[in-house]
Amino acid sequence: MAGYKQLLTFRKEDLFFNEEETRTILKFIFTPTDYGIIDSLNINNHVKGFAQGLLIEAIDASYAIGFVEAIFRSTSNPTKGAMQILKTFGRKAEKH
């Protein structure tokens, strides 16, 4: 039985994404039925940190089981927003 995973927490200066990018990350992770809630969220630093932590966990989990490439290859037309966010995150996280 798997245990709970604790998301990383971030200081304000370690948050990489703006409001629009944060919403895109949440929509990338959650299902379309949650999009209305995501659109109505007040995007503060707590929500930005949550989204950034989720993205890191998603990337780690996907990488660990070798599905990152498969996810993008299996999508005939990946959204530019999600791809751009992943590229931006990769560049900014490189120094850490």
PDB file of N, CA and C in Angstrom:
ATOM      1  N   MET A   1       0.845  -1.178   0.000  1.00  0.00           N
ATOM      2  CA  MET A   1       0.000   0.000   0.000  1.00  0.00           C
ATOM      3  C   MET A   1       0.888   1.238   0.000  1.00  0.00           C
ATOM      4  N   ALA A   2       0.644   2.123  -0.908  1.00  0.00           N
ATOM      5  CA  ALA A   2       1.443   3.335  -1.018  1.00  0.00           C
ATOM      6  C   ALA A   2       1.034   4.339   0.052  1.00  0.00           C
ATOM      7  N   GLY A   3       2.023   5.056   0.559  1.00  0.00           N
ATOM      8  CA  GLY A   3       1.743   6.090   1.541  1.00  0.00           C
ATOM      9  C   GLY A   3       1.440   7.407   0.868  1.00  0.00           C
ATOM     10  N   TYR A   4       1.175   8.395   1.684  1.00  0.00           N
ATOM     11  CA  TYR A   4       0.899   9.725   1.156  1.00  0.00           C
ATOM     12  C   TYR A   4       2.199  10.389   0.731  1.00  0.00           C
ATOM     13  N   LYS A   5       2.101  11.210  -0.268  1.00  0.00           N
ATOM     14  CA  LYS A   5       3.246  11.961  -0.773  1.00  0.00           C
ATOM     15  C   LYS A   5       3.083  13.406  -0.340  1.00  0.00           C
ATOM     16  N   GLN A   6       4.113  13.984   0.230  1.00  0.00           N
ATOM     17  CA  GLN A   6       4.065  15.388   0.638  1.00  0.00           C
ATOM     18  C   GLN A   6       4.670  16.237  -0.476  1.00  0.00           C
ATOM     19  N   LEU A   7       3.931  17.251  -0.908  1.00  0.00           N
ATOM     20  CA  LEU A   7       4.439  18.147  -1.941  1.00  0.00           C
ATOM     21  C   LEU A   7       5.511  19.053  -1.357  1.00  0.00           C
ATOM     22  N   LEU A   8       6.442  19.432  -2.221  1.00  0.00           N
ATOM     23  CA  LEU A   8       7.439  20.407  -1.814  1.00  0.00           C
ATOM     24  C   LEU A   8       6.754  21.734  -1.510  1.00  0.00           C
ATOM     25  N   THR A   9       7.336  22.496  -0.626  1.00  0.00           N
ATOM     26  CA  THR A   9       6.835  23.842  -0.359  1.00  0.00           C
ATOM     27  C   THR A   9       7.871  24.834  -0.884  1.00  0.00           C
ATOM     28  N   PHE A  10       7.417  26.003  -1.264  1.00  0.00           N
ATOM     29  CA  PHE A  10       8.281  26.975  -1.908  1.00  0.00           C
ATOM     30  C   PHE A  10       8.168  28.333  -1.245  1.00  0.00           C
ATOM     31  N   ARG A  11       9.294  29.028  -1.196  1.00  0.00           N
ATOM     32  CA  ARG A  11       9.273  30.426  -0.772  1.00  0.00           C
ATOM     33  C   ARG A  11       8.759  31.253  -1.945  1.00  0.00           C
ATOM     34  N   LYS A  12       8.286  32.440  -1.655  1.00  0.00           N
ATOM     35  CA  LYS A  12       7.730  33.310  -2.697  1.00  0.00           C
ATOM     36  C   LYS A  12       8.712  33.497  -3.849  1.00  0.00           C
ATOM     37  N   GLU A  13       9.989  33.685  -3.528  1.00  0.00           N
ATOM     38  CA  GLU A  13      10.988  33.921  -4.567  1.00  0.00           C
ATOM     39  C   GLU A  13      11.318  32.665  -5.387  1.00  0.00           C
ATOM     40  N   ASP A  14      10.842  31.506  -4.936  1.00  0.00           N
ATOM     41  CA  ASP A  14      11.074  30.250  -5.664  1.00  0.00           C
ATOM     42  C   ASP A  14       9.887  29.832  -6.528  1.00  0.00           C
ATOM     43  N   LEU A  15       8.846  30.651  -6.559  1.00  0.00           N
ATOM     44  CA  LEU A  15       7.691  30.361  -7.406  1.00  0.00           C
ATOM     45  C   LEU A  15       7.982  30.853  -8.816  1.00  0.00           C
ATOM     46  N   PHE A  16       7.875  29.958  -9.790  1.00  0.00           N
ATOM     47  CA  PHE A  16       8.269  30.269 -11.161  1.00  0.00           C
ATOM     48  C   PHE A  16       7.135  30.776 -12.038  1.00  0.00           C
ATOM     49  N   PHE A  17       5.888  30.460 -11.707  1.00  0.00           N
ATOM     50  CA  PHE A  17       4.797  30.644 -12.651  1.00  0.00           C
ATOM     51  C   PHE A  17       3.860  31.781 -12.260  1.00  0.00           C
ATOM     52  N   ASN A  18       3.327  32.436 -13.292  1.00  0.00           N
ATOM     53  CA  ASN A  18       2.354  33.494 -13.061  1.00  0.00           C
ATOM     54  C   ASN A  18       0.952  32.873 -12.959  1.00  0.00           C
ATOM     55  N   GLU A  19      -0.072  33.732 -12.869  1.00  0.00           N
ATOM     56  CA  GLU A  19      -1.444  33.261 -12.684  1.00  0.00           C
ATOM     57  C   GLU A  19      -1.917  32.392 -13.848  1.00  0.00           C
ATOM     58  N   GLU A  20      -1.672  32.839 -15.061  1.00  0.00           N
ATOM     59  CA  GLU A  20      -2.109  32.079 -16.241  1.00  0.00           C
ATOM     60  C   GLU A  20      -1.411  30.720 -16.326  1.00  0.00           C
ATOM     61  N   GLU A  21      -0.111  30.715 -16.077  1.00  0.00           N
ATOM     62  CA  GLU A  21       0.641  29.459 -16.118  1.00  0.00           C
ATOM     63  C   GLU A  21       0.188  28.501 -15.016  1.00  0.00           C
ATOM     64  N   THR A  22      -0.127  29.055 -13.852  1.00  0.00           N
ATOM     65  CA  THR A  22      -0.619  28.231 -12.746  1.00  0.00           C
ATOM     66  C   THR A  22      -1.931  27.550 -13.125  1.00  0.00           C
ATOM     67  N   ARG A  23      -2.832  28.294 -13.733  1.00  0.00           N
ATOM     68  CA  ARG A  23      -4.097  27.701 -14.175  1.00  0.00           C
ATOM     69  C   ARG A  23      -3.851  26.607 -15.220  1.00  0.00           C
ATOM     70  N   THR A  24      -2.918  26.838 -16.136  1.00  0.00           N
ATOM     71  CA  THR A  24      -2.598  25.844 -17.163  1.00  0.00           C
ATOM     72  C   THR A  24      -2.050  24.571 -16.534  1.00  0.00           C
ATOM     73  N   ILE A  25      -1.197  24.710 -15.543  1.00  0.00           N
ATOM     74  CA  ILE A  25      -0.654  23.535 -14.844  1.00  0.00           C
ATOM     75  C   ILE A  25      -1.788  22.750 -14.196  1.00  0.00           C
ATOM     76  N   LEU A  26      -2.669  23.444 -13.492  1.00  0.00           N
ATOM     77  CA  LEU A  26      -3.776  22.764 -12.821  1.00  0.00           C
ATOM     78  C   LEU A  26      -4.688  22.071 -13.835  1.00  0.00           C
ATOM     79  N   LYS A  27      -4.930  22.715 -14.969  1.00  0.00           N
ATOM     80  CA  LYS A  27      -5.764  22.100 -16.000  1.00  0.00           C
ATOM     81  C   LYS A  27      -5.055  20.928 -16.663  1.00  0.00           C
ATOM     82  N   PHE A  28      -3.739  20.959 -16.714  1.00  0.00           N
ATOM     83  CA  PHE A  28      -2.954  19.853 -17.252  1.00  0.00           C
ATOM     84  C   PHE A  28      -3.079  18.625 -16.346  1.00  0.00           C
ATOM     85  N   ILE A  29      -3.160  18.861 -15.043  1.00  0.00           N
ATOM     86  CA  ILE A  29      -3.180  17.766 -14.067  1.00  0.00           C
ATOM     87  C   ILE A  29      -4.590  17.276 -13.780  1.00  0.00           C
ATOM     88  N   PHE A  30      -5.535  18.189 -13.659  1.00  0.00           N
ATOM     89  CA  PHE A  30      -6.899  17.808 -13.319  1.00  0.00           C
ATOM     90  C   PHE A  30      -7.756  17.613 -14.568  1.00  0.00           C
ATOM     91  N   THR A  31      -8.923  17.056 -14.387  1.00  0.00           N
ATOM     92  CA  THR A  31      -9.815  16.747 -15.509  1.00  0.00           C
ATOM     93  C   THR A  31     -10.645  17.965 -15.910  1.00  0.00           C
ATOM     94  N   PRO A  32     -11.180  17.941 -17.132  1.00  0.00           N
ATOM     95  CA  PRO A  32     -12.001  19.071 -17.595  1.00  0.00           C
ATOM     96  C   PRO A  32     -13.193  19.383 -16.696  1.00  0.00           C
ATOM     97  N   THR A  33     -13.669  18.423 -15.954  1.00  0.00           N
ATOM     98  CA  THR A  33     -14.788  18.709 -15.045  1.00  0.00           C
ATOM     99  C   THR A  33     -14.378  19.669 -13.927  1.00  0.00           C
ATOM    100  N   ASP A  34     -13.073  19.801 -13.676  1.00  0.00           N
ATOM    101  CA  ASP A  34     -12.576  20.702 -12.638  1.00  0.00           C
ATOM    102  C   ASP A  34     -12.200  22.085 -13.164  1.00  0.00           C
ATOM    103  N   TYR A  35     -12.281  22.297 -14.467  1.00  0.00           N
ATOM    104  CA  TYR A  35     -11.826  23.548 -15.067  1.00  0.00           C
ATOM    105  C   TYR A  35     -12.601  24.760 -14.555  1.00  0.00           C
ATOM    106  N   GLY A  36     -13.879  24.621 -14.312  1.00  0.00           N
ATOM    107  CA  GLY A  36     -14.668  25.737 -13.788  1.00  0.00           C
ATOM    108  C   GLY A  36     -14.159  26.190 -12.430  1.00  0.00           C
ATOM    109  N   ILE A  37     -13.840  25.240 -11.586  1.00  0.00           N
ATOM    110  CA  ILE A  37     -13.294  25.560 -10.258  1.00  0.00           C
ATOM    111  C   ILE A  37     -11.929  26.223 -10.405  1.00  0.00           C
ATOM    112  N   ILE A  38     -11.104  25.667 -11.296  1.00  0.00           N
ATOM    113  CA  ILE A  38      -9.766  26.223 -11.511  1.00  0.00           C
ATOM    114  C   ILE A  38      -9.872  27.667 -12.006  1.00  0.00           C
ATOM    115  N   ASP A  39     -10.794  27.916 -12.932  1.00  0.00           N
ATOM    116  CA  ASP A  39     -10.968  29.271 -13.459  1.00  0.00           C
ATOM    117  C   ASP A  39     -11.451  30.249 -12.406  1.00  0.00           C
ATOM    118  N   SER A  40     -12.165  29.759 -11.407  1.00  0.00           N
ATOM    119  CA  SER A  40     -12.701  30.651 -10.373  1.00  0.00           C
ATOM    120  C   SER A  40     -11.751  30.835  -9.186  1.00  0.00           C
ATOM    121  N   LEU A  41     -10.652  30.115  -9.171  1.00  0.00           N
ATOM    122  CA  LEU A  41      -9.715  30.212  -8.051  1.00  0.00           C
ATOM    123  C   LEU A  41      -9.062  31.588  -7.970  1.00  0.00           C
ATOM    124  N   ASN A  42      -8.847  32.035  -6.740  1.00  0.00           N
ATOM    125  CA  ASN A  42      -8.013  33.204  -6.494  1.00  0.00           C
ATOM    126  C   ASN A  42      -6.576  32.686  -6.474  1.00  0.00           C
ATOM    127  N   ILE A  43      -5.808  33.018  -7.493  1.00  0.00           N
ATOM    128  CA  ILE A  43      -4.453  32.479  -7.611  1.00  0.00           C
ATOM    129  C   ILE A  43      -3.505  33.313  -6.753  1.00  0.00           C
ATOM    130  N   ASN A  44      -3.196  32.775  -5.577  1.00  0.00           N
ATOM    131  CA  ASN A  44      -2.250  33.422  -4.675  1.00  0.00           C
ATOM    132  C   ASN A  44      -0.981  32.557  -4.618  1.00  0.00           C
ATOM    133  N   ASN A  45      -0.049  32.932  -3.777  1.00  0.00           N
ATOM    134  CA  ASN A  45       1.212  32.189  -3.702  1.00  0.00           C
ATOM    135  C   ASN A  45       1.010  30.760  -3.222  1.00  0.00           C
ATOM    136  N   HIS A  46       0.035  30.545  -2.373  1.00  0.00           N
ATOM    137  CA  HIS A  46      -0.255  29.194  -1.898  1.00  0.00           C
ATOM    138  C   HIS A  46      -0.687  28.297  -3.063  1.00  0.00           C
ATOM    139  N   VAL A  47      -1.567  28.800  -3.900  1.00  0.00           N
ATOM    140  CA  VAL A  47      -2.054  28.033  -5.056  1.00  0.00           C
ATOM    141  C   VAL A  47      -0.923  27.843  -6.061  1.00  0.00           C
ATOM    142  N   LYS A  48      -0.106  28.875  -6.270  1.00  0.00           N
ATOM    143  CA  LYS A  48       1.039  28.748  -7.177  1.00  0.00           C
ATOM    144  C   LYS A  48       1.995  27.661  -6.682  1.00  0.00           C
ATOM    145  N   GLY A  49       2.261  27.654  -5.386  1.00  0.00           N
ATOM    146  CA  GLY A  49       3.142  26.632  -4.814  1.00  0.00           C
ATOM    147  C   GLY A  49       2.558  25.238  -4.941  1.00  0.00           C
ATOM    148  N   PHE A  50       1.250  25.129  -4.740  1.00  0.00           N
ATOM    149  CA  PHE A  50       0.564  23.844  -4.891  1.00  0.00           C
ATOM    150  C   PHE A  50       0.710  23.328  -6.317  1.00  0.00           C
ATOM    151  N   ALA A  51       0.450  24.203  -7.295  1.00  0.00           N
ATOM    152  CA  ALA A  51       0.550  23.813  -8.702  1.00  0.00           C
ATOM    153  C   ALA A  51       1.985  23.440  -9.062  1.00  0.00           C
ATOM    154  N   GLN A  52       2.941  24.217  -8.589  1.00  0.00           N
ATOM    155  CA  GLN A  52       4.344  23.920  -8.879  1.00  0.00           C
ATOM    156  C   GLN A  52       4.758  22.595  -8.245  1.00  0.00           C
ATOM    157  N   GLY A  53       4.302  22.345  -7.033  1.00  0.00           N
ATOM    158  CA  GLY A  53       4.588  21.070  -6.378  1.00  0.00           C
ATOM    159  C   GLY A  53       3.961  19.896  -7.115  1.00  0.00           C
ATOM    160  N   LEU A  54       2.729  20.070  -7.579  1.00  0.00           N
ATOM    161  CA  LEU A  54       2.071  19.022  -8.360  1.00  0.00           C
ATOM    162  C   LEU A  54       2.826  18.748  -9.657  1.00  0.00           C
ATOM    163  N   LEU A  55       3.280  19.811 -10.314  1.00  0.00           N
ATOM    164  CA  LEU A  55       4.018  19.639 -11.566  1.00  0.00           C
ATOM    165  C   LEU A  55       5.314  18.873 -11.328  1.00  0.00           C
ATOM    166  N   ILE A  56       6.031  19.207 -10.272  1.00  0.00           N
ATOM    167  CA  ILE A  56       7.270  18.496  -9.957  1.00  0.00           C
ATOM    168  C   ILE A  56       6.987  17.026  -9.687  1.00  0.00           C
ATOM    169  N   GLU A  57       5.955  16.740  -8.909  1.00  0.00           N
ATOM    170  CA  GLU A  57       5.605  15.348  -8.621  1.00  0.00           C
ATOM    171  C   GLU A  57       5.192  14.602  -9.890  1.00  0.00           C
ATOM    172  N   ALA A  58       4.436  15.270 -10.755  1.00  0.00           N
ATOM    173  CA  ALA A  58       4.006  14.640 -12.006  1.00  0.00           C
ATOM    174  C   ALA A  58       5.203  14.325 -12.887  1.00  0.00           C
ATOM    175  N   ILE A  59       6.133  15.267 -12.979  1.00  0.00           N
ATOM    176  CA  ILE A  59       7.335  15.041 -13.787  1.00  0.00           C
ATOM    177  C   ILE A  59       8.171  13.930 -13.187  1.00  0.00           C
ATOM    178  N   ASP A  60       8.380  13.966 -11.875  1.00  0.00           N
ATOM    179  CA  ASP A  60       9.156  12.910 -11.212  1.00  0.00           C
ATOM    180  C   ASP A  60       8.527  11.544 -11.405  1.00  0.00           C
ATOM    181  N   ALA A  61       7.222  11.462 -11.210  1.00  0.00           N
ATOM    182  CA  ALA A  61       6.529  10.177 -11.347  1.00  0.00           C
ATOM    183  C   ALA A  61       6.588   9.677 -12.787  1.00  0.00           C
ATOM    184  N   SER A  62       6.372  10.584 -13.733  1.00  0.00           N
ATOM    185  CA  SER A  62       6.412  10.196 -15.137  1.00  0.00           C
ATOM    186  C   SER A  62       7.812   9.764 -15.543  1.00  0.00           C
ATOM    187  N   TYR A  63       8.796  10.501 -15.094  1.00  0.00           N
ATOM    188  CA  TYR A  63      10.181  10.173 -15.423  1.00  0.00           C
ATOM    189  C   TYR A  63      10.571   8.833 -14.813  1.00  0.00           C
ATOM    190  N   ALA A  64      10.161   8.643 -13.566  1.00  0.00           N
ATOM    191  CA  ALA A  64      10.531   7.417 -12.856  1.00  0.00           C
ATOM    192  C   ALA A  64      10.013   6.170 -13.556  1.00  0.00           C
ATOM    193  N   ILE A  65       8.881   6.258 -14.198  1.00  0.00           N
ATOM    194  CA  ILE A  65       8.338   5.080 -14.869  1.00  0.00           C
ATOM    195  C   ILE A  65       8.480   5.155 -16.390  1.00  0.00           C
ATOM    196  N   GLY A  66       9.206   6.174 -16.856  1.00  0.00           N
ATOM    197  CA  GLY A  66       9.543   6.250 -18.268  1.00  0.00           C
ATOM    198  C   GLY A  66       8.427   6.638 -19.209  1.00  0.00           C
ATOM    199  N   PHE A  67       7.446   7.426 -18.719  1.00  0.00           N
ATOM    200  CA  PHE A  67       6.316   7.756 -19.566  1.00  0.00           C
ATOM    201  C   PHE A  67       6.318   9.183 -20.109  1.00  0.00           C
ATOM    202  N   VAL A  68       7.277  10.009 -19.758  1.00  0.00           N
ATOM    203  CA  VAL A  68       7.242  11.394 -20.224  1.00  0.00           C
ATOM    204  C   VAL A  68       7.216  11.449 -21.742  1.00  0.00           C
ATOM    205  N   GLU A  69       8.121  10.757 -22.378  1.00  0.00           N
ATOM    206  CA  GLU A  69       8.148  10.766 -23.837  1.00  0.00           C
ATOM    207  C   GLU A  69       6.892  10.135 -24.412  1.00  0.00           C
ATOM    208  N   ALA A  70       6.435   9.048 -23.796  1.00  0.00           N
ATOM    209  CA  ALA A  70       5.244   8.371 -24.291  1.00  0.00           C
ATOM    210  C   ALA A  70       4.005   9.259 -24.197  1.00  0.00           C
ATOM    211  N   ILE A  71       3.910  10.045 -23.135  1.00  0.00           N
ATOM    212  CA  ILE A  71       2.768  10.944 -22.970  1.00  0.00           C
ATOM    213  C   ILE A  71       2.723  11.944 -24.114  1.00  0.00           C
ATOM    214  N   PHE A  72       3.855  12.564 -24.401  1.00  0.00           N
ATOM    215  CA  PHE A  72       3.874  13.584 -25.441  1.00  0.00           C
ATOM    216  C   PHE A  72       3.767  12.980 -26.838  1.00  0.00           C
ATOM    217  N   ARG A  73       4.332  11.816 -27.058  1.00  0.00           N
ATOM    218  CA  ARG A  73       4.223  11.178 -28.372  1.00  0.00           C
ATOM    219  C   ARG A  73       2.809  10.655 -28.617  1.00  0.00           C
ATOM    220  N   SER A  74       2.122  10.257 -27.562  1.00  0.00           N
ATOM    221  CA  SER A  74       0.781   9.709 -27.729  1.00  0.00           C
ATOM    222  C   SER A  74      -0.270  10.796 -27.944  1.00  0.00           C
ATOM    223  N   THR A  75       0.100  12.033 -27.670  1.00  0.00           N
ATOM    224  CA  THR A  75      -0.822  13.145 -27.876  1.00  0.00           C
ATOM    225  C   THR A  75      -0.561  13.716 -29.253  1.00  0.00           C
ATOM    226  N   SER A  76      -1.552  13.639 -30.112  1.00  0.00           N
ATOM    227  CA  SER A  76      -1.347  14.080 -31.490  1.00  0.00           C
ATOM    228  C   SER A  76      -1.082  15.568 -31.597  1.00  0.00           C
ATOM    229  N   ASN A  77      -1.653  16.353 -30.690  1.00  0.00           N
ATOM    230  CA  ASN A  77      -1.457  17.797 -30.744  1.00  0.00           C
ATOM    231  C   ASN A  77      -1.386  18.347 -29.321  1.00  0.00           C
ATOM    232  N   PRO A  78      -0.221  18.181 -28.647  1.00  0.00           N
ATOM    233  CA  PRO A  78      -0.142  18.680 -27.268  1.00  0.00           C
ATOM    234  C   PRO A  78      -0.342  20.194 -27.232  1.00  0.00           C
ATOM    235  N   THR A  79      -0.985  20.649 -26.180  1.00  0.00           N
ATOM    236  CA  THR A  79      -1.255  22.075 -26.085  1.00  0.00           C
ATOM    237  C   THR A  79       0.043  22.837 -25.925  1.00  0.00           C
ATOM    238  N   LYS A  80       0.148  23.904 -26.642  1.00  0.00           N
ATOM    239  CA  LYS A  80       1.360  24.710 -26.588  1.00  0.00           C
ATOM    240  C   LYS A  80       1.583  25.250 -25.179  1.00  0.00           C
ATOM    241  N   GLY A  81       0.506  25.583 -24.486  1.00  0.00           N
ATOM    242  CA  GLY A  81       0.640  26.134 -23.142  1.00  0.00           C
ATOM    243  C   GLY A  81       1.360  25.188 -22.203  1.00  0.00           C
ATOM    244  N   ALA A  82       0.960  23.942 -22.178  1.00  0.00           N
ATOM    245  CA  ALA A  82       1.588  22.962 -21.285  1.00  0.00           C
ATOM    246  C   ALA A  82       3.035  22.730 -21.686  1.00  0.00           C
ATOM    247  N   MET A  83       3.298  22.629 -22.985  1.00  0.00           N
ATOM    248  CA  MET A  83       4.671  22.418 -23.448  1.00  0.00           C
ATOM    249  C   MET A  83       5.551  23.605 -23.061  1.00  0.00           C
ATOM    250  N   GLN A  84       5.049  24.807 -23.229  1.00  0.00           N
ATOM    251  CA  GLN A  84       5.825  25.998 -22.900  1.00  0.00           C
ATOM    252  C   GLN A  84       6.123  26.050 -21.406  1.00  0.00           C
ATOM    253  N   ILE A  85       5.151  25.679 -20.593  1.00  0.00           N
ATOM    254  CA  ILE A  85       5.352  25.672 -19.144  1.00  0.00           C
ATOM    255  C   ILE A  85       6.425  24.671 -18.758  1.00  0.00           C
ATOM    256  N   LEU A  86       6.377  23.489 -19.342  1.00  0.00           N
ATOM    257  CA  LEU A  86       7.389  22.482 -19.034  1.00  0.00           C
ATOM    258  C   LEU A  86       8.785  22.962 -19.440  1.00  0.00           C
ATOM    259  N   LYS A  87       8.889  23.621 -20.583  1.00  0.00           N
ATOM    260  CA  LYS A  87      10.183  24.147 -21.030  1.00  0.00           C
ATOM    261  C   LYS A  87      10.672  25.247 -20.089  1.00  0.00           C
ATOM    262  N   THR A  88       9.773  26.156 -19.727  1.00  0.00           N
ATOM    263  CA  THR A  88      10.137  27.237 -18.817  1.00  0.00           C
ATOM    264  C   THR A  88      10.582  26.674 -17.474  1.00  0.00           C
ATOM    265  N   PHE A  89       9.824  25.730 -16.971  1.00  0.00           N
ATOM    266  CA  PHE A  89      10.172  25.123 -15.691  1.00  0.00           C
ATOM    267  C   PHE A  89      11.537  24.457 -15.773  1.00  0.00           C
ATOM    268  N   GLY A  90      11.780  23.725 -16.837  1.00  0.00           N
ATOM    269  CA  GLY A  90      13.055  23.040 -17.005  1.00  0.00           C
ATOM    270  C   GLY A  90      14.223  24.012 -17.000  1.00  0.00           C
ATOM    271  N   ARG A  91      14.080  25.121 -17.707  1.00  0.00           N
ATOM    272  CA  ARG A  91      15.157  26.120 -17.741  1.00  0.00           C
ATOM    273  C   ARG A  91      15.387  26.742 -16.378  1.00  0.00           C
ATOM    274  N   LYS A  92      14.308  27.092 -15.686  1.00  0.00           N
ATOM    275  CA  LYS A  92      14.441  27.775 -14.400  1.00  0.00           C
ATOM    276  C   LYS A  92      14.873  26.821 -13.299  1.00  0.00           C
ATOM    277  N   ALA A  93      14.456  25.582 -13.378  1.00  0.00           N
ATOM    278  CA  ALA A  93      14.791  24.613 -12.336  1.00  0.00           C
ATOM    279  C   ALA A  93      16.202  24.060 -12.515  1.00  0.00           C
ATOM    280  N   GLU A  94      16.774  24.258 -13.688  1.00  0.00           N
ATOM    281  CA  GLU A  94      18.108  23.760 -13.995  1.00  0.00           C
ATOM    282  C   GLU A  94      19.136  24.180 -12.963  1.00  0.00           C
ATOM    283  N   LYS A  95      19.057  25.436 -12.510  1.00  0.00           N
ATOM    284  CA  LYS A  95      20.043  25.965 -11.578  1.00  0.00           C
ATOM    285  C   LYS A  95      19.898  25.391 -10.178  1.00  0.00           C
ATOM    286  N   HIS A  96      18.781  24.742  -9.900  1.00  0.00           N
ATOM    287  CA  HIS A  96      18.558  24.170  -8.579  1.00  0.00           C
ATOM    288  C   HIS A  96      18.953  22.717  -8.603  1.00  0.00           C
TER     289      HIS A  96
END
